[in-house]
Amino acid sequence: MKKILCTILCVASLLFVAGCGSTKAAPELKLSVENNRESYLYFPGSVLGKNLNPGMDYQYVGNVQIQVGRESLPLEKAIRDGKVTIQQMYAQACKDGEEQICTLTRLSQNGVTNNLFCYPDFQINIVDDLLEYDGRDIPVAYLAVSSADQTPNTIDGWDSQRKSPRVKEDWGLTFEAAFSGSSLSVTVHQSGGMQQGTLTVENAAIIDQYPFALSDQDGNVRLTQLEGAPLTMGGESSMEINLADFLGQEPEKGTYALRICIEDHALSGQTHKHQSSQYYSIPFTVQ
């Protein structure tokens, strides 16, 4: 009986040790959030002690807390008071990626690298980069924290009107473009996203990626036939464009892009915390 009891205890001890060895390490980036589908908060750099440019977004989350030492603080307060920096947060999140606590996706847009970390309870985009614009290198420091099922906002260039790095929201759009004969076929897929209403094409143009001569001085050809076209929400929209009709001739061989401005119809003409329109560039090749 004693031998049986001893054997049971030994096996239990081994299982306990094995279980401890398989436990994942605690995250280095100790961040907690509360999901809230009504929450969309923006903190400009000016209220964060100028530690971020353009600032920080919370998307569908609230009460975002970060553990600093033994203290739990609202993230915006911790950044404003210099208790934590985005460089420290990036280093912590990278370690979490190495431990497979989160996954990292890097997205480069117009020379700016967005570092998208996906944790079980939230996602966070950490941008600490230089944006080249008008011959200058402009520092970009940006944070976006979102719910686990929502892609965080990204930086995709320079907003010349606001004179700050441009924030792009996730409207659940993906694009495909293919050129054959004289026709450009464009397919737009829409699923999920943060838009408030039906998305429509505000304007579109063919942009010359290299110095090939098109029909006007700036190398752009406006596609008026697409203006006002609604997109299929939660589905697929297809567009066929005969480029020869717009150019007056067959396009030269080379790389081009369809630059398209999509408008959130619900926010048209409004001043709102969400974006009312966004630009997308879809490259294609004429061979």
Protein backbone atom coordinates (compact mmCIF):
# COMPACT_ATOMS: atom_id res chain seq x y z
CA MET A 1 0.00 0.00 0.00
CA LYS A 2 2.84 2.36 0.89
CA LYS A 3 4.53 1.57 -2.46
CA ILE A 4 1.32 2.37 -4.35
CA LEU A 5 0.88 5.62 -2.45
CA CYS A 6 4.50 6.59 -3.09
CA THR A 7 4.11 5.86 -6.78
CA ILE A 8 0.97 8.00 -7.01
CA LEU A 9 2.73 10.91 -5.26
CA CYS A 10 5.77 10.65 -7.55
CA VAL A 11 3.58 10.64 -10.68
CA ALA A 12 1.60 13.62 -9.36
CA SER A 13 4.84 15.49 -8.67
CA LEU A 14 6.11 14.83 -12.18
CA LEU A 15 2.84 16.01 -13.73
CA PHE A 16 2.94 19.16 -11.61
CA VAL A 17 6.51 19.94 -12.70
CA ALA A 18 5.66 19.23 -16.34
CA GLY A 19 2.64 21.48 -16.10
CA CYS A 20 4.72 24.30 -14.62
CA GLY A 21 7.28 23.95 -17.38
CA SER A 22 4.61 24.31 -20.09
CA THR A 23 3.11 27.51 -18.66
CA LYS A 24 3.69 30.55 -20.88
CA ALA A 25 5.70 33.41 -19.49
CA ALA A 26 3.85 36.49 -18.27
CA PRO A 27 3.71 39.26 -20.90
CA GLU A 28 6.35 41.97 -20.78
CA LEU A 29 3.82 44.52 -22.03
CA LYS A 30 1.32 44.50 -19.19
CA LEU A 31 -1.66 46.18 -20.80
CA SER A 32 -5.34 45.64 -19.98
CA VAL A 33 -8.45 46.94 -21.76
CA GLU A 34 -12.23 46.92 -21.43
CA ASN A 35 -14.17 46.22 -24.63
CA ASN A 36 -16.66 48.93 -25.55
CA ARG A 37 -18.17 49.03 -29.07
CA GLU A 38 -19.24 52.65 -28.50
CA SER A 39 -15.77 53.85 -27.55
CA TYR A 40 -13.54 55.72 -29.99
CA LEU A 41 -11.07 58.04 -28.29
CA TYR A 42 -8.31 60.18 -29.77
CA PHE A 43 -5.54 61.81 -27.73
CA PRO A 44 -3.54 64.37 -29.76
CA GLY A 45 0.16 64.69 -29.10
CA SER A 46 -0.41 68.13 -27.55
CA VAL A 47 -2.24 66.57 -24.56
CA LEU A 48 0.31 63.78 -24.17
CA GLY A 49 3.19 66.06 -23.31
CA LYS A 50 4.21 66.15 -26.99
CA ASN A 51 5.53 62.62 -26.55
CA LEU A 52 3.57 61.39 -29.57
CA ASN A 53 3.00 62.76 -33.07
CA PRO A 54 0.23 62.63 -34.20
CA GLY A 55 -1.09 61.03 -30.99
CA MET A 56 -2.93 57.94 -29.79
CA ASP A 57 -6.25 56.20 -30.58
CA TYR A 58 -8.46 53.81 -28.63
CA GLN A 59 -10.78 51.86 -30.93
CA TYR A 60 -13.68 49.95 -29.33
CA VAL A 61 -11.80 49.81 -26.03
CA GLY A 62 -11.78 51.92 -22.88
CA ASN A 63 -10.08 52.05 -19.49
CA VAL A 64 -6.73 51.12 -21.05
CA GLN A 65 -4.31 50.45 -18.18
CA ILE A 66 -0.58 49.72 -18.21
CA GLN A 67 1.42 48.17 -15.39
CA VAL A 68 4.52 50.24 -14.55
CA GLY A 69 6.43 48.56 -11.77
CA ARG A 70 3.82 47.82 -9.10
CA GLU A 71 1.55 50.66 -10.26
CA SER A 72 -1.36 50.36 -12.70
CA LEU A 73 -1.96 53.60 -14.61
CA PRO A 74 -4.18 54.79 -17.46
CA LEU A 75 -2.00 54.50 -20.55
CA GLU A 76 -2.57 58.11 -21.62
CA LYS A 77 -1.47 59.33 -18.16
CA ALA A 78 1.59 57.07 -18.10
CA ILE A 79 2.73 58.43 -21.48
CA ARG A 80 1.94 62.04 -20.60
CA ASP A 81 3.87 61.84 -17.32
CA GLY A 82 6.85 60.06 -18.91
CA LYS A 83 6.33 56.89 -16.88
CA VAL A 84 6.55 54.84 -20.09
CA THR A 85 7.65 55.49 -23.68
CA ILE A 86 6.56 53.88 -26.93
CA GLN A 87 10.14 52.68 -27.37
CA GLN A 88 9.84 50.73 -24.11
CA MET A 89 6.42 49.39 -25.14
CA TYR A 90 7.77 48.32 -28.53
CA ALA A 91 10.69 46.46 -26.93
CA GLN A 92 8.32 44.73 -24.49
CA ALA A 93 5.90 43.73 -27.25
CA CYS A 94 8.77 42.35 -29.37
CA LYS A 95 9.81 40.14 -26.43
CA ASP A 96 6.22 38.96 -26.12
CA GLY A 97 6.33 38.08 -29.81
CA GLU A 98 9.46 36.01 -29.27
CA GLU A 99 7.66 34.17 -26.45
CA GLN A 100 4.63 33.66 -28.73
CA ILE A 101 2.43 35.60 -26.34
CA CYS A 102 1.43 37.82 -29.27
CA THR A 103 1.94 37.88 -33.03
CA LEU A 104 3.65 40.69 -34.94
CA THR A 105 2.75 41.92 -38.42
CA ARG A 106 4.76 44.75 -39.98
CA LEU A 107 2.93 46.90 -42.52
CA SER A 108 4.88 49.48 -44.55
CA GLN A 109 2.85 52.32 -46.04
CA ASN A 110 4.55 55.14 -47.95
CA GLY A 111 7.82 54.55 -46.12
CA VAL A 112 6.28 54.35 -42.62
CA THR A 113 6.41 51.02 -40.75
CA ASN A 114 3.37 50.07 -38.66
CA ASN A 115 4.07 47.34 -36.07
CA LEU A 116 0.81 45.49 -35.41
CA PHE A 117 0.92 43.31 -32.28
CA CYS A 118 -2.04 40.98 -31.78
CA TYR A 119 -2.62 39.82 -28.17
CA PRO A 120 -5.48 37.55 -27.04
CA ASP A 121 -7.45 40.46 -25.52
CA PHE A 122 -6.44 43.42 -27.72
CA GLN A 123 -4.38 44.64 -30.64
CA ILE A 124 -1.88 47.49 -30.63
CA ASN A 125 -0.06 49.36 -33.40
CA ILE A 126 3.22 50.98 -32.37
CA VAL A 127 4.82 53.39 -34.85
CA ASP A 128 8.22 54.96 -34.18
CA ASP A 129 9.64 55.99 -37.54
CA LEU A 130 10.60 58.82 -39.87
CA LEU A 131 8.26 60.02 -42.61
CA GLU A 132 9.92 61.61 -45.62
CA TYR A 133 7.90 64.53 -46.92
CA ASP A 134 8.90 67.54 -49.01
CA GLY A 135 12.59 66.84 -48.50
CA ARG A 136 12.28 66.53 -44.72
CA ASP A 137 12.39 63.59 -42.32
CA ILE A 138 9.46 64.02 -39.94
CA PRO A 139 9.43 61.93 -36.73
CA VAL A 140 6.28 59.83 -36.35
CA ALA A 141 5.34 58.44 -32.93
CA TYR A 142 1.88 56.87 -32.78
CA LEU A 143 -0.11 54.33 -30.78
CA ALA A 144 -3.45 52.71 -31.61
CA VAL A 145 -5.08 50.24 -29.22
CA SER A 146 -8.09 48.28 -30.44
CA SER A 147 -10.26 45.34 -29.44
CA ALA A 148 -8.95 41.90 -30.38
CA ASP A 149 -11.33 41.63 -33.35
CA GLN A 150 -10.59 45.10 -34.80
CA THR A 151 -7.51 46.04 -36.83
CA PRO A 152 -5.94 49.15 -35.26
CA ASN A 153 -5.55 52.39 -37.18
CA THR A 154 -2.34 52.85 -39.14
CA ILE A 155 -0.17 55.71 -40.44
CA ASP A 156 -0.04 55.79 -44.23
CA GLY A 157 1.56 59.12 -45.14
CA TRP A 158 1.34 62.89 -44.64
CA ASP A 159 -1.89 64.89 -44.32
CA SER A 160 -1.07 68.16 -46.06
CA GLN A 161 -4.29 69.82 -44.85
CA ARG A 162 -3.84 68.97 -41.17
CA LYS A 163 -0.06 69.19 -41.48
CA SER A 164 0.47 65.99 -39.53
CA PRO A 165 0.97 62.27 -40.21
CA ARG A 166 -2.17 60.81 -41.78
CA VAL A 167 -4.14 58.22 -39.80
CA LYS A 168 -5.99 55.56 -41.79
CA GLU A 169 -8.91 53.67 -40.30
CA ASP A 170 -9.77 50.08 -41.10
CA TRP A 171 -12.85 50.08 -43.34
CA GLY A 172 -12.50 46.38 -44.18
CA LEU A 173 -11.46 47.05 -47.79
CA THR A 174 -9.15 45.01 -50.00
CA PHE A 175 -8.52 45.66 -53.70
CA GLU A 176 -7.47 43.68 -56.74
CA ALA A 177 -6.57 45.20 -60.12
CA ALA A 178 -5.60 43.53 -63.42
CA PHE A 179 -5.06 44.99 -66.89
CA SER A 180 -5.83 43.05 -70.07
CA GLY A 181 -6.23 44.35 -73.62
CA SER A 182 -7.47 47.91 -73.07
CA SER A 183 -9.48 47.14 -69.94
CA LEU A 184 -8.63 47.57 -66.27
CA SER A 185 -10.62 45.24 -64.01
CA VAL A 186 -10.93 46.30 -60.37
CA THR A 187 -12.50 44.19 -57.62
CA VAL A 188 -13.24 45.66 -54.19
CA HIS A 189 -13.94 43.37 -51.22
CA GLN A 190 -15.58 44.84 -48.09
CA SER A 191 -16.01 43.06 -44.76
CA GLY A 192 -16.34 44.42 -41.23
CA GLY A 193 -14.52 47.69 -40.57
CA MET A 194 -15.14 50.90 -38.61
CA GLN A 195 -17.14 52.84 -41.19
CA GLN A 196 -20.45 54.33 -40.05
CA GLY A 197 -22.48 54.01 -43.26
CA THR A 198 -22.38 52.93 -46.91
CA LEU A 199 -19.06 53.53 -48.65
CA THR A 200 -19.05 55.24 -52.05
CA VAL A 201 -16.38 56.26 -54.56
CA GLU A 202 -15.82 60.01 -54.19
CA ASN A 203 -13.26 60.28 -56.99
CA ALA A 204 -10.69 58.16 -58.79
CA ALA A 205 -7.69 58.69 -61.04
CA ILE A 206 -5.01 56.72 -62.83
CA ILE A 207 -1.61 57.75 -61.50
CA ASP A 208 1.58 57.32 -63.48
CA GLN A 209 4.13 55.56 -61.28
CA TYR A 210 6.96 56.49 -63.62
CA PRO A 211 7.42 59.45 -66.00
CA PHE A 212 5.28 58.08 -68.81
CA ALA A 213 3.24 60.73 -70.62
CA LEU A 214 -0.48 60.55 -69.90
CA SER A 215 -3.11 63.08 -70.83
CA ASP A 216 -2.47 65.97 -68.41
CA GLN A 217 0.50 67.75 -66.89
CA ASP A 218 0.58 66.04 -63.51
CA GLY A 219 0.42 62.54 -65.01
CA ASN A 220 -3.06 61.78 -63.64
CA VAL A 221 -6.20 60.81 -65.53
CA ARG A 222 -9.47 61.38 -63.69
CA LEU A 223 -12.04 58.58 -63.96
CA THR A 224 -15.32 60.47 -63.73
CA GLN A 225 -17.43 57.38 -64.51
CA LEU A 226 -16.66 55.94 -61.07
CA GLU A 227 -17.64 58.99 -59.05
CA GLY A 228 -20.60 58.36 -56.76
CA ALA A 229 -20.57 54.59 -57.29
CA PRO A 230 -21.66 52.78 -54.08
CA LEU A 231 -19.69 49.78 -52.85
CA THR A 232 -21.35 46.53 -51.86
CA MET A 233 -21.15 46.39 -48.07
CA GLY A 234 -20.20 42.96 -46.78
CA GLY A 235 -19.52 41.74 -50.29
CA GLU A 236 -17.76 42.33 -53.61
CA SER A 237 -17.91 45.22 -56.09
CA SER A 238 -16.50 45.00 -59.64
CA MET A 239 -15.48 47.83 -61.97
CA GLU A 240 -14.38 47.71 -65.63
CA ILE A 241 -12.46 50.69 -66.99
CA ASN A 242 -11.45 51.07 -70.66
CA LEU A 243 -8.24 53.06 -70.34
CA ALA A 244 -7.95 53.75 -74.07
CA ASP A 245 -11.23 55.72 -73.89
CA PHE A 246 -9.80 57.99 -71.20
CA LEU A 247 -6.28 58.32 -72.63
CA GLY A 248 -7.26 58.64 -76.26
CA GLN A 249 -4.72 55.92 -77.00
CA GLU A 250 -3.49 52.63 -75.67
CA PRO A 251 -1.46 53.10 -72.45
CA GLU A 252 2.30 52.66 -72.67
CA LYS A 253 3.89 49.70 -70.96
CA GLY A 254 4.78 50.36 -67.35
CA THR A 255 3.56 50.41 -63.76
CA TYR A 256 0.58 52.54 -62.81
CA ALA A 257 -1.83 52.84 -59.90
CA LEU A 258 -5.53 53.45 -59.49
CA ARG A 259 -5.84 56.11 -56.79
CA ILE A 260 -9.33 56.04 -55.39
CA CYS A 261 -10.99 58.15 -52.69
CA ILE A 262 -13.65 56.31 -50.71
CA GLU A 263 -16.23 58.30 -48.75
CA ASP A 264 -18.21 57.20 -45.71
CA HIS A 265 -21.63 58.44 -46.80
CA ALA A 266 -22.93 58.67 -43.23
CA LEU A 267 -20.23 61.22 -42.37
CA SER A 268 -20.22 63.28 -45.58
CA GLY A 269 -19.77 66.97 -44.78
CA GLN A 270 -19.61 66.33 -41.04
CA THR A 271 -16.88 67.06 -38.53
CA HIS A 272 -16.52 63.75 -36.73
CA LYS A 273 -14.03 61.79 -34.70
CA HIS A 274 -14.03 59.20 -37.50
CA GLN A 275 -12.59 59.78 -40.97
CA SER A 276 -15.14 60.86 -43.58
CA SER A 277 -13.02 59.86 -46.59
CA GLN A 278 -9.79 57.94 -47.24
CA TYR A 279 -7.48 57.37 -50.21
CA TYR A 280 -6.28 54.01 -51.49
CA SER A 281 -3.71 53.21 -54.20
CA ILE A 282 -4.02 49.97 -56.16
CA PRO A 283 -0.99 49.22 -58.39
CA PHE A 284 -1.26 47.47 -61.78
CA THR A 285 1.05 46.77 -64.70
CA VAL A 286 0.57 47.30 -68.43
CA GLN A 287 2.72 44.80 -70.32
